[in-house]
Amino acid sequence: MKAGEIIGSFVESIIKIVVAIVIVMYVYKWATAAYDFGYRIFTEEPMSVGEGRIISVEITEDATAKSIGQMLEDRGLIRDKNVFFLQELLSEYHGDEKPGIYDLNTAMTADEMIAIMAHEGEEEGETE
């Protein structure tokens, strides 16, 4: 029976090692994804470099940060609505977006877009 116990112990050890490797792989994968997401919140680049394209967007009275993010993502102004939502949440202009029509550029960062949408009637951004 010693040979059976040795083989059983060996198989059990192999299974534990494989499970540990799988757990480490998943932790590494999710940790790098979380780091990348967090990094993008503070360093997100504009969609285009140079002049970019001007796109008009309309912010309604009942628009939320999530709905604005979805609209900006659909129009090609930002890459990820979830990153935009957190950027707006952490912005000094949180909740200050004013209803209106704004001319935004694909060369703008999300922070610049949020600042424009928060200042109603200023020369850059809103058109009557």
N, C-alpha and C. Protein backbone atom coordinates (compact mmCIF):
# COMPACT_ATOMS: atom_id res chain seq x y z
N MET A 1 0.81 -1.20 0.00
CA MET A 1 0.00 0.00 0.00
C MET A 1 0.84 1.25 0.00
N LYS A 2 2.08 1.12 0.29
CA LYS A 2 2.93 2.30 0.31
C LYS A 2 2.99 2.96 -1.07
N ALA A 3 3.03 2.17 -2.11
CA ALA A 3 3.11 2.72 -3.47
C ALA A 3 1.84 3.50 -3.79
N GLY A 4 0.68 3.02 -3.36
CA GLY A 4 -0.59 3.71 -3.60
C GLY A 4 -0.66 5.02 -2.85
N GLU A 5 -0.16 5.01 -1.62
CA GLU A 5 -0.14 6.24 -0.84
C GLU A 5 0.79 7.27 -1.45
N ILE A 6 1.91 6.82 -1.96
CA ILE A 6 2.88 7.72 -2.59
C ILE A 6 2.27 8.33 -3.85
N ILE A 7 1.63 7.50 -4.67
CA ILE A 7 1.02 7.99 -5.90
C ILE A 7 -0.12 8.96 -5.57
N GLY A 8 -0.95 8.63 -4.58
CA GLY A 8 -2.04 9.51 -4.17
C GLY A 8 -1.53 10.84 -3.67
N SER A 9 -0.48 10.80 -2.88
CA SER A 9 0.11 12.03 -2.37
C SER A 9 0.69 12.87 -3.50
N PHE A 10 1.32 12.22 -4.46
CA PHE A 10 1.91 12.91 -5.62
C PHE A 10 0.82 13.58 -6.45
N VAL A 11 -0.27 12.87 -6.72
CA VAL A 11 -1.38 13.42 -7.51
C VAL A 11 -2.02 14.60 -6.76
N GLU A 12 -2.19 14.45 -5.46
CA GLU A 12 -2.76 15.53 -4.65
C GLU A 12 -1.88 16.78 -4.70
N SER A 13 -0.58 16.59 -4.63
CA SER A 13 0.35 17.72 -4.71
C SER A 13 0.28 18.40 -6.07
N ILE A 14 0.20 17.63 -7.13
CA ILE A 14 0.10 18.18 -8.49
C ILE A 14 -1.18 19.00 -8.62
N ILE A 15 -2.29 18.48 -8.11
CA ILE A 15 -3.56 19.19 -8.20
C ILE A 15 -3.49 20.51 -7.43
N LYS A 16 -2.89 20.52 -6.25
CA LYS A 16 -2.75 21.74 -5.46
C LYS A 16 -1.89 22.77 -6.19
N ILE A 17 -0.83 22.31 -6.83
CA ILE A 17 0.04 23.22 -7.57
C ILE A 17 -0.70 23.83 -8.76
N VAL A 18 -1.45 23.02 -9.49
CA VAL A 18 -2.20 23.51 -10.64
C VAL A 18 -3.25 24.52 -10.19
N VAL A 19 -3.98 24.22 -9.12
CA VAL A 19 -4.99 25.15 -8.61
C VAL A 19 -4.33 26.46 -8.18
N ALA A 20 -3.19 26.40 -7.52
CA ALA A 20 -2.48 27.61 -7.10
C ALA A 20 -2.04 28.43 -8.31
N ILE A 21 -1.56 27.77 -9.35
CA ILE A 21 -1.14 28.48 -10.57
C ILE A 21 -2.33 29.17 -11.23
N VAL A 22 -3.46 28.47 -11.31
CA VAL A 22 -4.66 29.06 -11.91
C VAL A 22 -5.13 30.27 -11.11
N ILE A 23 -5.12 30.17 -9.79
CA ILE A 23 -5.53 31.29 -8.94
C ILE A 23 -4.60 32.48 -9.14
N VAL A 24 -3.31 32.24 -9.18
CA VAL A 24 -2.34 33.32 -9.38
C VAL A 24 -2.54 33.98 -10.75
N MET A 25 -2.83 33.18 -11.77
CA MET A 25 -3.05 33.73 -13.11
C MET A 25 -4.26 34.65 -13.13
N TYR A 26 -5.37 34.21 -12.51
CA TYR A 26 -6.57 35.04 -12.49
C TYR A 26 -6.39 36.29 -11.66
N VAL A 27 -5.72 36.19 -10.54
CA VAL A 27 -5.45 37.38 -9.72
C VAL A 27 -4.60 38.37 -10.51
N TYR A 28 -3.59 37.89 -11.20
CA TYR A 28 -2.73 38.76 -12.01
C TYR A 28 -3.53 39.43 -13.12
N LYS A 29 -4.38 38.64 -13.79
CA LYS A 29 -5.18 39.17 -14.89
C LYS A 29 -6.10 40.27 -14.40
N TRP A 30 -6.84 40.04 -13.32
CA TRP A 30 -7.77 41.04 -12.81
C TRP A 30 -7.06 42.23 -12.18
N ALA A 31 -5.92 42.00 -11.58
CA ALA A 31 -5.16 43.11 -10.99
C ALA A 31 -4.64 44.04 -12.07
N THR A 32 -4.14 43.49 -13.17
CA THR A 32 -3.66 44.35 -14.25
C THR A 32 -4.82 45.08 -14.92
N ALA A 33 -5.97 44.42 -15.06
CA ALA A 33 -7.14 45.09 -15.65
C ALA A 33 -7.61 46.23 -14.75
N ALA A 34 -7.63 46.01 -13.44
CA ALA A 34 -8.04 47.05 -12.50
C ALA A 34 -7.05 48.21 -12.51
N TYR A 35 -5.77 47.91 -12.58
CA TYR A 35 -4.75 48.97 -12.63
C TYR A 35 -4.91 49.78 -13.91
N ASP A 36 -5.10 49.11 -15.03
CA ASP A 36 -5.26 49.80 -16.31
C ASP A 36 -6.48 50.72 -16.27
N PHE A 37 -7.59 50.23 -15.73
CA PHE A 37 -8.80 51.03 -15.64
C PHE A 37 -8.56 52.26 -14.76
N GLY A 38 -7.96 52.06 -13.60
CA GLY A 38 -7.67 53.17 -12.69
C GLY A 38 -6.70 54.17 -13.30
N TYR A 39 -5.71 53.68 -14.02
CA TYR A 39 -4.74 54.55 -14.67
C TYR A 39 -5.41 55.42 -15.73
N ARG A 40 -6.34 54.82 -16.49
CA ARG A 40 -7.02 55.56 -17.55
C ARG A 40 -7.91 56.67 -17.00
N ILE A 41 -8.41 56.51 -15.78
CA ILE A 41 -9.26 57.55 -15.20
C ILE A 41 -8.51 58.87 -15.13
N PHE A 42 -7.22 58.82 -14.82
CA PHE A 42 -6.45 60.04 -14.63
C PHE A 42 -5.58 60.42 -15.82
N THR A 43 -5.40 59.53 -16.79
CA THR A 43 -4.49 59.82 -17.90
C THR A 43 -5.10 59.55 -19.27
N GLU A 44 -6.41 59.51 -19.38
CA GLU A 44 -7.05 59.19 -20.66
C GLU A 44 -6.66 60.22 -21.72
N GLU A 45 -6.20 59.75 -22.84
CA GLU A 45 -5.80 60.60 -23.96
C GLU A 45 -7.03 60.98 -24.79
N PRO A 46 -6.97 62.08 -25.52
CA PRO A 46 -8.07 62.41 -26.43
C PRO A 46 -8.21 61.35 -27.53
N MET A 47 -9.34 61.33 -28.17
CA MET A 47 -9.59 60.34 -29.23
C MET A 47 -8.69 60.58 -30.44
N SER A 48 -8.35 61.83 -30.72
CA SER A 48 -7.48 62.11 -31.86
C SER A 48 -6.48 63.19 -31.47
N VAL A 49 -5.39 63.21 -32.21
CA VAL A 49 -4.36 64.22 -31.99
C VAL A 49 -4.50 65.28 -33.07
N GLY A 50 -3.99 66.44 -32.81
CA GLY A 50 -4.06 67.51 -33.81
C GLY A 50 -5.36 68.28 -33.67
N GLU A 51 -5.94 68.61 -34.81
CA GLU A 51 -7.15 69.42 -34.81
C GLU A 51 -8.39 68.64 -34.39
N GLY A 52 -8.51 67.41 -34.80
CA GLY A 52 -9.68 66.62 -34.46
C GLY A 52 -10.91 67.06 -35.24
N ARG A 53 -12.04 66.48 -34.87
CA ARG A 53 -13.33 66.82 -35.50
C ARG A 53 -14.22 67.49 -34.46
N ILE A 54 -14.98 68.47 -34.89
CA ILE A 54 -15.94 69.12 -34.00
C ILE A 54 -17.27 68.40 -34.13
N ILE A 55 -17.82 68.02 -32.99
CA ILE A 55 -19.09 67.31 -32.95
C ILE A 55 -20.00 68.04 -31.97
N SER A 56 -21.21 68.35 -32.43
CA SER A 56 -22.19 69.03 -31.57
C SER A 56 -22.96 67.98 -30.76
N VAL A 57 -23.12 68.25 -29.48
CA VAL A 57 -23.90 67.38 -28.61
C VAL A 57 -24.90 68.23 -27.85
N GLU A 58 -26.04 67.63 -27.54
CA GLU A 58 -27.05 68.34 -26.77
C GLU A 58 -27.21 67.67 -25.42
N ILE A 59 -27.07 68.47 -24.38
CA ILE A 59 -27.27 68.00 -23.01
C ILE A 59 -28.65 68.46 -22.58
N THR A 60 -29.47 67.52 -22.17
CA THR A 60 -30.82 67.85 -21.74
C THR A 60 -30.84 68.14 -20.25
N GLU A 61 -31.96 68.64 -19.79
CA GLU A 61 -32.13 69.01 -18.38
C GLU A 61 -31.97 67.79 -17.46
N ASP A 62 -32.46 66.64 -17.90
CA ASP A 62 -32.45 65.44 -17.05
C ASP A 62 -31.25 64.52 -17.32
N ALA A 63 -30.24 65.01 -18.01
CA ALA A 63 -29.08 64.18 -18.36
C ALA A 63 -28.24 63.88 -17.11
N THR A 64 -27.83 62.63 -17.00
CA THR A 64 -26.93 62.23 -15.91
C THR A 64 -25.53 62.03 -16.47
N ALA A 65 -24.56 61.87 -15.60
CA ALA A 65 -23.19 61.63 -16.05
C ALA A 65 -23.11 60.35 -16.87
N LYS A 66 -23.88 59.34 -16.48
CA LYS A 66 -23.87 58.08 -17.24
C LYS A 66 -24.46 58.27 -18.63
N SER A 67 -25.57 59.00 -18.73
CA SER A 67 -26.19 59.20 -20.05
C SER A 67 -25.32 60.10 -20.93
N ILE A 68 -24.67 61.07 -20.32
CA ILE A 68 -23.75 61.93 -21.09
C ILE A 68 -22.58 61.10 -21.59
N GLY A 69 -22.03 60.26 -20.72
CA GLY A 69 -20.93 59.38 -21.12
C GLY A 69 -21.32 58.46 -22.26
N GLN A 70 -22.52 57.89 -22.19
CA GLN A 70 -22.99 57.01 -23.27
C GLN A 70 -23.10 57.78 -24.58
N MET A 71 -23.65 59.00 -24.52
CA MET A 71 -23.80 59.81 -25.73
C MET A 71 -22.43 60.17 -26.31
N LEU A 72 -21.49 60.57 -25.45
CA LEU A 72 -20.16 60.93 -25.94
C LEU A 72 -19.44 59.72 -26.54
N GLU A 73 -19.63 58.55 -25.94
CA GLU A 73 -19.02 57.34 -26.50
C GLU A 73 -19.65 57.00 -27.85
N ASP A 74 -20.98 57.11 -27.96
CA ASP A 74 -21.66 56.83 -29.23
C ASP A 74 -21.23 57.78 -30.33
N ARG A 75 -20.92 59.02 -29.98
CA ARG A 75 -20.51 60.02 -30.97
C ARG A 75 -19.01 59.98 -31.28
N GLY A 76 -18.26 59.14 -30.59
CA GLY A 76 -16.84 59.01 -30.86
C GLY A 76 -15.96 60.05 -30.18
N LEU A 77 -16.47 60.66 -29.11
CA LEU A 77 -15.69 61.67 -28.41
C LEU A 77 -14.86 61.09 -27.27
N ILE A 78 -15.29 59.96 -26.73
CA ILE A 78 -14.55 59.27 -25.66
C ILE A 78 -14.49 57.78 -25.97
N ARG A 79 -13.58 57.07 -25.30
CA ARG A 79 -13.42 55.64 -25.54
C ARG A 79 -14.33 54.78 -24.66
N ASP A 80 -14.54 55.22 -23.41
CA ASP A 80 -15.24 54.37 -22.46
C ASP A 80 -16.14 55.20 -21.56
N LYS A 81 -17.43 54.91 -21.60
CA LYS A 81 -18.39 55.66 -20.80
C LYS A 81 -18.18 55.46 -19.30
N ASN A 82 -17.69 54.29 -18.89
CA ASN A 82 -17.46 54.03 -17.46
C ASN A 82 -16.29 54.86 -16.93
N VAL A 83 -15.25 55.00 -17.75
CA VAL A 83 -14.12 55.84 -17.36
C VAL A 83 -14.59 57.30 -17.27
N PHE A 84 -15.41 57.72 -18.24
CA PHE A 84 -15.93 59.09 -18.22
C PHE A 84 -16.76 59.34 -16.96
N PHE A 85 -17.60 58.38 -16.60
CA PHE A 85 -18.44 58.53 -15.41
C PHE A 85 -17.59 58.77 -14.16
N LEU A 86 -16.52 58.00 -14.00
CA LEU A 86 -15.64 58.18 -12.85
C LEU A 86 -14.85 59.48 -12.95
N GLN A 87 -14.45 59.86 -14.17
CA GLN A 87 -13.76 61.14 -14.33
C GLN A 87 -14.67 62.30 -13.93
N GLU A 88 -15.93 62.22 -14.32
CA GLU A 88 -16.88 63.27 -13.95
C GLU A 88 -17.12 63.26 -12.44
N LEU A 89 -17.20 62.08 -11.86
CA LEU A 89 -17.42 61.95 -10.42
C LEU A 89 -16.27 62.56 -9.62
N LEU A 90 -15.05 62.43 -10.12
CA LEU A 90 -13.87 62.95 -9.44
C LEU A 90 -13.52 64.38 -9.86
N SER A 91 -14.24 64.91 -10.84
CA SER A 91 -13.96 66.24 -11.36
C SER A 91 -14.43 67.32 -10.40
N GLU A 92 -13.81 68.50 -10.50
CA GLU A 92 -14.26 69.64 -9.70
C GLU A 92 -15.61 70.15 -10.20
N TYR A 93 -16.03 69.73 -11.39
CA TYR A 93 -17.31 70.14 -11.97
C TYR A 93 -18.38 69.07 -11.79
N HIS A 94 -18.21 68.17 -10.85
CA HIS A 94 -19.16 67.07 -10.65
C HIS A 94 -20.58 67.61 -10.46
N GLY A 95 -21.48 67.18 -11.34
CA GLY A 95 -22.88 67.57 -11.24
C GLY A 95 -23.20 68.96 -11.75
N ASP A 96 -22.22 69.66 -12.31
CA ASP A 96 -22.43 71.04 -12.77
C ASP A 96 -22.74 71.15 -14.26
N GLU A 97 -22.94 70.04 -14.95
CA GLU A 97 -23.21 70.10 -16.39
C GLU A 97 -24.53 70.84 -16.61
N LYS A 98 -24.51 71.79 -17.53
CA LYS A 98 -25.68 72.60 -17.81
C LYS A 98 -26.32 72.13 -19.12
N PRO A 99 -27.65 72.19 -19.20
CA PRO A 99 -28.30 71.83 -20.46
C PRO A 99 -27.92 72.81 -21.56
N GLY A 100 -27.83 72.31 -22.77
CA GLY A 100 -27.51 73.16 -23.90
C GLY A 100 -26.89 72.35 -25.03
N ILE A 101 -26.49 73.05 -26.06
CA ILE A 101 -25.83 72.43 -27.21
C ILE A 101 -24.38 72.87 -27.17
N TYR A 102 -23.48 71.89 -27.22
CA TYR A 102 -22.05 72.17 -27.10
C TYR A 102 -21.31 71.62 -28.30
N ASP A 103 -20.33 72.38 -28.76
CA ASP A 103 -19.44 71.92 -29.81
C ASP A 103 -18.18 71.38 -29.15
N LEU A 104 -18.04 70.06 -29.18
CA LEU A 104 -16.89 69.40 -28.57
C LEU A 104 -16.01 68.84 -29.66
N ASN A 105 -14.74 68.67 -29.35
CA ASN A 105 -13.76 68.24 -30.34
C ASN A 105 -13.17 66.90 -29.92
N THR A 106 -12.86 66.06 -30.90
CA THR A 106 -12.26 64.76 -30.60
C THR A 106 -10.84 64.90 -30.07
N ALA A 107 -10.25 66.09 -30.19
CA ALA A 107 -8.91 66.33 -29.66
C ALA A 107 -8.95 66.80 -28.20
N MET A 108 -10.15 66.89 -27.61
CA MET A 108 -10.29 67.31 -26.21
C MET A 108 -10.23 66.09 -25.29
N THR A 109 -9.72 66.33 -24.10
CA THR A 109 -9.79 65.29 -23.08
C THR A 109 -11.17 65.35 -22.42
N ALA A 110 -11.50 64.32 -21.67
CA ALA A 110 -12.79 64.29 -20.98
C ALA A 110 -12.89 65.44 -19.98
N ASP A 111 -11.79 65.77 -19.32
CA ASP A 111 -11.80 66.89 -18.36
C ASP A 111 -12.16 68.20 -19.05
N GLU A 112 -11.62 68.42 -20.24
CA GLU A 112 -11.92 69.64 -20.99
C GLU A 112 -13.39 69.67 -21.40
N MET A 113 -13.93 68.51 -21.80
CA MET A 113 -15.34 68.44 -22.19
C MET A 113 -16.24 68.73 -20.99
N ILE A 114 -15.90 68.15 -19.85
CA ILE A 114 -16.70 68.37 -18.65
C ILE A 114 -16.67 69.85 -18.26
N ALA A 115 -15.51 70.47 -18.35
CA ALA A 115 -15.38 71.89 -18.01
C ALA A 115 -16.23 72.76 -18.94
N ILE A 116 -16.25 72.42 -20.21
CA ILE A 116 -17.06 73.19 -21.17
C ILE A 116 -18.54 73.01 -20.87
N MET A 117 -18.96 71.79 -20.60
CA MET A 117 -20.38 71.54 -20.34
C MET A 117 -20.84 72.13 -19.01
N ALA A 118 -19.91 72.44 -18.12
CA ALA A 118 -20.26 73.00 -16.82
C ALA A 118 -20.37 74.51 -16.85
N HIS A 119 -19.88 75.16 -17.89
CA HIS A 119 -19.91 76.62 -17.97
C HIS A 119 -20.86 77.06 -19.06
N GLU A 120 -22.10 77.31 -18.70
CA GLU A 120 -23.10 77.72 -19.66
C GLU A 120 -22.84 79.14 -20.13
N GLY A 121 -22.89 79.34 -21.45
CA GLY A 121 -22.79 80.68 -22.01
C GLY A 121 -21.37 81.18 -22.23
N GLU A 122 -20.35 80.42 -21.88
CA GLU A 122 -19.00 80.88 -22.13
C GLU A 122 -18.67 80.74 -23.61
N GLU A 123 -17.68 81.48 -24.06
CA GLU A 123 -17.41 81.55 -25.49
C GLU A 123 -17.02 80.21 -26.09
N GLU A 124 -16.30 79.36 -25.35
CA GLU A 124 -15.93 78.08 -25.93
C GLU A 124 -16.95 77.03 -25.51
N GLY A 125 -17.55 76.42 -26.48
CA GLY A 125 -18.41 75.31 -26.15
C GLY A 125 -19.86 75.48 -26.56
N GLU A 126 -20.59 76.34 -25.95
CA GLU A 126 -22.02 76.37 -26.18
C GLU A 126 -22.35 77.33 -27.31
N THR A 127 -23.26 76.89 -28.14
CA THR A 127 -23.76 77.74 -29.21
C THR A 127 -25.25 77.93 -28.99
N GLU A 128 -25.73 79.08 -29.32
CA GLU A 128 -27.16 79.38 -29.13
C GLU A 128 -27.95 78.96 -30.33
